[in-house]
Amino acid sequence: MATQGYGLFVTEPNAYKSLECNICGAECLVERNLPAKSGFIAAMARMDKPRDEFSCPNLEKEWHKQAVQLVMEIEKTPSKRLAQLMQQDLEDLLQENNIH
């Protein structure tokens, strides 16, 4: 399942013409003016009003999922050294998949 903010973005309708994936830089696919959903969970996920959803076309690829995990770990670790090593792993992974 995709994690909002990592290749998946929910915005107000027509707030952006286009968005790039913050993981791999690909231009996101967009679904505009999606209908509102009801309920507590929908409200917490900002889906209780009309919205646009942007998603990376690579979102379901295994390498992209791994890249998301690396980014999340880089953001979470308090260690600069570990973050640098993981950043290099991320850069290698993206390069292996022809993402520059």
N, C-alpha and C. Protein backbone atom coordinates (compact mmCIF):
# COMPACT_ATOMS: atom_id res chain seq x y z
N MET A 1 0.84 -1.19 0.00
CA MET A 1 0.00 0.00 0.00
C MET A 1 0.88 1.25 0.00
N ALA A 2 0.52 2.20 -0.79
CA ALA A 2 1.28 3.44 -0.91
C ALA A 2 1.11 4.31 0.33
N THR A 3 2.14 5.08 0.62
CA THR A 3 2.13 5.99 1.77
C THR A 3 2.04 7.42 1.26
N GLN A 4 1.03 8.12 1.72
CA GLN A 4 0.84 9.51 1.29
C GLN A 4 2.08 10.33 1.64
N GLY A 5 2.51 11.13 0.67
CA GLY A 5 3.70 11.96 0.86
C GLY A 5 4.96 11.34 0.28
N TYR A 6 4.88 10.09 -0.16
CA TYR A 6 6.00 9.37 -0.74
C TYR A 6 5.57 8.80 -2.09
N GLY A 7 5.43 9.68 -3.07
CA GLY A 7 4.99 9.25 -4.40
C GLY A 7 3.48 9.26 -4.56
N LEU A 8 2.76 9.60 -3.51
CA LEU A 8 1.31 9.71 -3.52
C LEU A 8 0.92 10.98 -2.78
N PHE A 9 0.14 11.83 -3.46
CA PHE A 9 -0.20 13.13 -2.88
C PHE A 9 -1.69 13.41 -3.07
N VAL A 10 -2.33 13.92 -2.03
CA VAL A 10 -3.73 14.32 -2.08
C VAL A 10 -3.76 15.83 -1.90
N THR A 11 -4.40 16.52 -2.84
CA THR A 11 -4.44 17.98 -2.80
C THR A 11 -5.86 18.49 -2.98
N GLU A 12 -6.04 19.76 -2.73
CA GLU A 12 -7.31 20.41 -3.04
C GLU A 12 -7.49 20.37 -4.56
N PRO A 13 -8.73 20.33 -5.02
CA PRO A 13 -8.96 20.27 -6.47
C PRO A 13 -8.27 21.43 -7.20
N ASN A 14 -7.56 21.09 -8.26
CA ASN A 14 -6.90 22.05 -9.14
C ASN A 14 -5.85 22.93 -8.45
N ALA A 15 -5.32 22.48 -7.33
CA ALA A 15 -4.28 23.24 -6.64
C ALA A 15 -2.95 23.19 -7.40
N TYR A 16 -2.73 22.10 -8.14
CA TYR A 16 -1.49 21.93 -8.90
C TYR A 16 -1.83 21.44 -10.30
N LYS A 17 -1.08 21.95 -11.26
CA LYS A 17 -1.25 21.47 -12.63
C LYS A 17 -0.62 20.09 -12.76
N SER A 18 0.57 19.93 -12.18
CA SER A 18 1.27 18.65 -12.18
C SER A 18 2.20 18.59 -10.97
N LEU A 19 2.60 17.38 -10.62
CA LEU A 19 3.56 17.17 -9.53
C LEU A 19 4.56 16.11 -9.96
N GLU A 20 5.78 16.22 -9.45
CA GLU A 20 6.80 15.21 -9.67
C GLU A 20 6.91 14.35 -8.42
N CYS A 21 7.20 13.08 -8.63
CA CYS A 21 7.42 12.17 -7.51
C CYS A 21 8.64 12.63 -6.72
N ASN A 22 8.50 12.71 -5.42
CA ASN A 22 9.61 13.12 -4.57
C ASN A 22 10.60 11.98 -4.31
N ILE A 23 10.31 10.80 -4.84
CA ILE A 23 11.22 9.67 -4.70
C ILE A 23 12.08 9.49 -5.95
N CYS A 24 11.43 9.48 -7.12
CA CYS A 24 12.17 9.19 -8.35
C CYS A 24 12.12 10.30 -9.39
N GLY A 25 11.33 11.34 -9.16
CA GLY A 25 11.27 12.46 -10.07
C GLY A 25 10.35 12.30 -11.27
N ALA A 26 9.66 11.17 -11.38
CA ALA A 26 8.74 10.96 -12.49
C ALA A 26 7.54 11.90 -12.37
N GLU A 27 6.96 12.28 -13.50
CA GLU A 27 5.75 13.09 -13.45
C GLU A 27 4.60 12.21 -12.97
N CYS A 28 3.90 12.68 -11.98
CA CYS A 28 2.81 11.90 -11.38
C CYS A 28 1.58 11.87 -12.28
N LEU A 29 0.87 10.76 -12.19
CA LEU A 29 -0.45 10.64 -12.81
C LEU A 29 -1.42 11.37 -11.90
N VAL A 30 -2.47 11.92 -12.47
CA VAL A 30 -3.42 12.68 -11.64
C VAL A 30 -4.84 12.23 -11.91
N GLU A 31 -5.61 12.12 -10.84
CA GLU A 31 -7.06 11.92 -10.91
C GLU A 31 -7.67 13.14 -10.25
N ARG A 32 -8.46 13.87 -11.01
CA ARG A 32 -8.96 15.16 -10.54
C ARG A 32 -10.40 15.06 -10.04
N ASN A 33 -10.70 15.94 -9.07
CA ASN A 33 -12.04 16.11 -8.53
C ASN A 33 -12.68 14.79 -8.10
N LEU A 34 -11.91 14.00 -7.36
CA LEU A 34 -12.47 12.75 -6.83
C LEU A 34 -13.53 13.08 -5.79
N PRO A 35 -14.59 12.30 -5.74
CA PRO A 35 -15.66 12.62 -4.80
C PRO A 35 -15.24 12.44 -3.35
N ALA A 36 -15.91 13.14 -2.49
CA ALA A 36 -15.66 13.06 -1.05
C ALA A 36 -16.08 11.70 -0.52
N LYS A 37 -15.34 11.23 0.49
CA LYS A 37 -15.71 10.01 1.20
C LYS A 37 -16.13 10.43 2.61
N SER A 38 -16.96 9.63 3.23
CA SER A 38 -17.43 9.99 4.57
C SER A 38 -16.79 9.08 5.62
N GLY A 39 -16.86 9.52 6.86
CA GLY A 39 -16.36 8.73 7.97
C GLY A 39 -15.11 9.32 8.60
N PHE A 40 -14.81 8.84 9.80
CA PHE A 40 -13.69 9.35 10.58
C PHE A 40 -12.35 9.13 9.88
N ILE A 41 -12.12 7.93 9.37
CA ILE A 41 -10.85 7.62 8.72
C ILE A 41 -10.68 8.47 7.46
N ALA A 42 -11.75 8.65 6.70
CA ALA A 42 -11.69 9.50 5.51
C ALA A 42 -11.34 10.93 5.90
N ALA A 43 -11.90 11.41 6.99
CA ALA A 43 -11.60 12.76 7.45
C ALA A 43 -10.13 12.88 7.86
N MET A 44 -9.61 11.87 8.54
CA MET A 44 -8.21 11.87 8.96
C MET A 44 -7.28 11.85 7.74
N ALA A 45 -7.71 11.20 6.67
CA ALA A 45 -6.90 11.10 5.45
C ALA A 45 -7.19 12.23 4.47
N ARG A 46 -7.93 13.23 4.89
CA ARG A 46 -8.30 14.39 4.07
C ARG A 46 -9.10 13.97 2.83
N MET A 47 -9.94 12.97 2.97
CA MET A 47 -10.76 12.52 1.86
C MET A 47 -12.23 12.84 2.07
N ASP A 48 -12.52 13.71 3.04
CA ASP A 48 -13.90 14.04 3.36
C ASP A 48 -14.43 15.20 2.52
N LYS A 49 -13.64 15.64 1.53
CA LYS A 49 -14.07 16.69 0.61
C LYS A 49 -13.47 16.37 -0.76
N PRO A 50 -13.97 16.97 -1.81
CA PRO A 50 -13.41 16.68 -3.14
C PRO A 50 -11.90 16.92 -3.15
N ARG A 51 -11.19 16.13 -3.97
CA ARG A 51 -9.73 16.20 -3.95
C ARG A 51 -9.16 15.74 -5.28
N ASP A 52 -7.90 16.08 -5.48
CA ASP A 52 -7.11 15.54 -6.58
C ASP A 52 -6.10 14.57 -5.96
N GLU A 53 -5.84 13.49 -6.63
CA GLU A 53 -4.82 12.54 -6.18
C GLU A 53 -3.75 12.41 -7.26
N PHE A 54 -2.51 12.64 -6.86
CA PHE A 54 -1.36 12.48 -7.74
C PHE A 54 -0.61 11.23 -7.30
N SER A 55 -0.26 10.37 -8.23
CA SER A 55 0.49 9.16 -7.88
C SER A 55 1.58 8.91 -8.91
N CYS A 56 2.71 8.46 -8.42
CA CYS A 56 3.85 8.15 -9.27
C CYS A 56 3.50 6.94 -10.14
N PRO A 57 3.86 6.97 -11.43
CA PRO A 57 3.59 5.81 -12.28
C PRO A 57 4.43 4.59 -11.89
N ASN A 58 5.47 4.80 -11.08
CA ASN A 58 6.34 3.70 -10.63
C ASN A 58 5.97 3.18 -9.24
N LEU A 59 4.89 3.69 -8.69
CA LEU A 59 4.52 3.44 -7.30
C LEU A 59 4.49 1.96 -6.93
N GLU A 60 4.03 1.11 -7.80
CA GLU A 60 3.88 -0.31 -7.48
C GLU A 60 5.10 -1.16 -7.85
N LYS A 61 6.10 -0.54 -8.44
CA LYS A 61 7.31 -1.29 -8.79
C LYS A 61 8.12 -1.57 -7.53
N GLU A 62 8.72 -2.74 -7.48
CA GLU A 62 9.44 -3.17 -6.28
C GLU A 62 10.58 -2.21 -5.94
N TRP A 63 11.32 -1.74 -6.95
CA TRP A 63 12.43 -0.84 -6.67
C TRP A 63 11.94 0.48 -6.06
N HIS A 64 10.75 0.93 -6.49
CA HIS A 64 10.20 2.19 -5.96
C HIS A 64 9.79 2.00 -4.49
N LYS A 65 9.20 0.85 -4.20
CA LYS A 65 8.83 0.55 -2.80
C LYS A 65 10.08 0.53 -1.92
N GLN A 66 11.16 -0.07 -2.44
CA GLN A 66 12.41 -0.10 -1.69
C GLN A 66 12.96 1.32 -1.51
N ALA A 67 12.87 2.13 -2.55
CA ALA A 67 13.34 3.52 -2.45
C ALA A 67 12.54 4.29 -1.40
N VAL A 68 11.23 4.08 -1.36
CA VAL A 68 10.40 4.73 -0.34
C VAL A 68 10.86 4.33 1.05
N GLN A 69 11.12 3.05 1.25
CA GLN A 69 11.58 2.58 2.56
C GLN A 69 12.91 3.23 2.94
N LEU A 70 13.81 3.33 1.97
CA LEU A 70 15.10 3.98 2.25
C LEU A 70 14.90 5.44 2.65
N VAL A 71 14.08 6.17 1.91
CA VAL A 71 13.82 7.57 2.23
C VAL A 71 13.23 7.71 3.63
N MET A 72 12.29 6.84 3.96
CA MET A 72 11.66 6.89 5.29
C MET A 72 12.69 6.62 6.38
N GLU A 73 13.58 5.67 6.15
CA GLU A 73 14.62 5.35 7.14
C GLU A 73 15.64 6.49 7.25
N ILE A 74 15.98 7.09 6.13
CA ILE A 74 16.90 8.23 6.15
C ILE A 74 16.31 9.36 7.00
N GLU A 75 15.02 9.61 6.83
CA GLU A 75 14.36 10.66 7.60
C GLU A 75 14.27 10.32 9.09
N LYS A 76 14.19 9.04 9.39
CA LYS A 76 13.97 8.60 10.77
C LYS A 76 15.26 8.46 11.58
N THR A 77 16.35 8.09 10.95
CA THR A 77 17.56 7.78 11.72
C THR A 77 18.21 9.03 12.32
N PRO A 78 18.65 8.93 13.55
CA PRO A 78 19.37 10.06 14.15
C PRO A 78 20.85 10.07 13.76
N SER A 79 21.31 9.01 13.11
CA SER A 79 22.72 8.88 12.76
C SER A 79 23.03 9.47 11.39
N LYS A 80 23.91 10.45 11.37
CA LYS A 80 24.33 11.05 10.10
C LYS A 80 25.06 10.03 9.23
N ARG A 81 25.87 9.20 9.84
CA ARG A 81 26.63 8.20 9.07
C ARG A 81 25.70 7.18 8.43
N LEU A 82 24.74 6.68 9.18
CA LEU A 82 23.78 5.73 8.61
C LEU A 82 22.96 6.39 7.51
N ALA A 83 22.58 7.64 7.73
CA ALA A 83 21.81 8.36 6.72
C ALA A 83 22.62 8.50 5.43
N GLN A 84 23.92 8.79 5.54
CA GLN A 84 24.76 8.90 4.36
C GLN A 84 24.87 7.58 3.62
N LEU A 85 25.02 6.49 4.36
CA LEU A 85 25.10 5.16 3.73
C LEU A 85 23.79 4.82 3.02
N MET A 86 22.68 5.10 3.69
CA MET A 86 21.37 4.82 3.07
C MET A 86 21.13 5.73 1.87
N GLN A 87 21.60 6.97 1.93
CA GLN A 87 21.47 7.87 0.80
C GLN A 87 22.23 7.33 -0.40
N GLN A 88 23.41 6.78 -0.16
CA GLN A 88 24.18 6.17 -1.26
C GLN A 88 23.45 4.96 -1.82
N ASP A 89 22.87 4.15 -0.94
CA ASP A 89 22.06 3.00 -1.39
C ASP A 89 20.89 3.47 -2.25
N LEU A 90 20.25 4.55 -1.83
CA LEU A 90 19.12 5.11 -2.58
C LEU A 90 19.58 5.57 -3.96
N GLU A 91 20.67 6.31 -3.99
CA GLU A 91 21.19 6.79 -5.27
C GLU A 91 21.57 5.64 -6.19
N ASP A 92 22.18 4.59 -5.64
CA ASP A 92 22.53 3.40 -6.43
C ASP A 92 21.28 2.72 -6.97
N LEU A 93 20.27 2.58 -6.14
CA LEU A 93 19.01 1.94 -6.54
C LEU A 93 18.35 2.71 -7.67
N LEU A 94 18.29 4.02 -7.55
CA LEU A 94 17.68 4.83 -8.60
C LEU A 94 18.49 4.75 -9.90
N GLN A 95 19.80 4.76 -9.78
CA GLN A 95 20.64 4.67 -10.98
C GLN A 95 20.48 3.30 -11.65
N GLU A 96 20.40 2.23 -10.86
CA GLU A 96 20.19 0.89 -11.41
C GLU A 96 18.89 0.80 -12.21
N ASN A 97 17.94 1.65 -11.87
CA ASN A 97 16.64 1.63 -12.54
C ASN A 97 16.49 2.81 -13.51
N ASN A 98 17.64 3.34 -13.95
CA ASN A 98 17.70 4.40 -14.95
C ASN A 98 16.99 5.67 -14.54
N ILE A 99 17.03 5.98 -13.26
CA ILE A 99 16.47 7.22 -12.74
C ILE A 99 17.65 8.11 -12.40
N HIS A 100 17.71 9.28 -13.00
CA HIS A 100 18.88 10.15 -12.81
C HIS A 100 18.49 11.40 -12.06
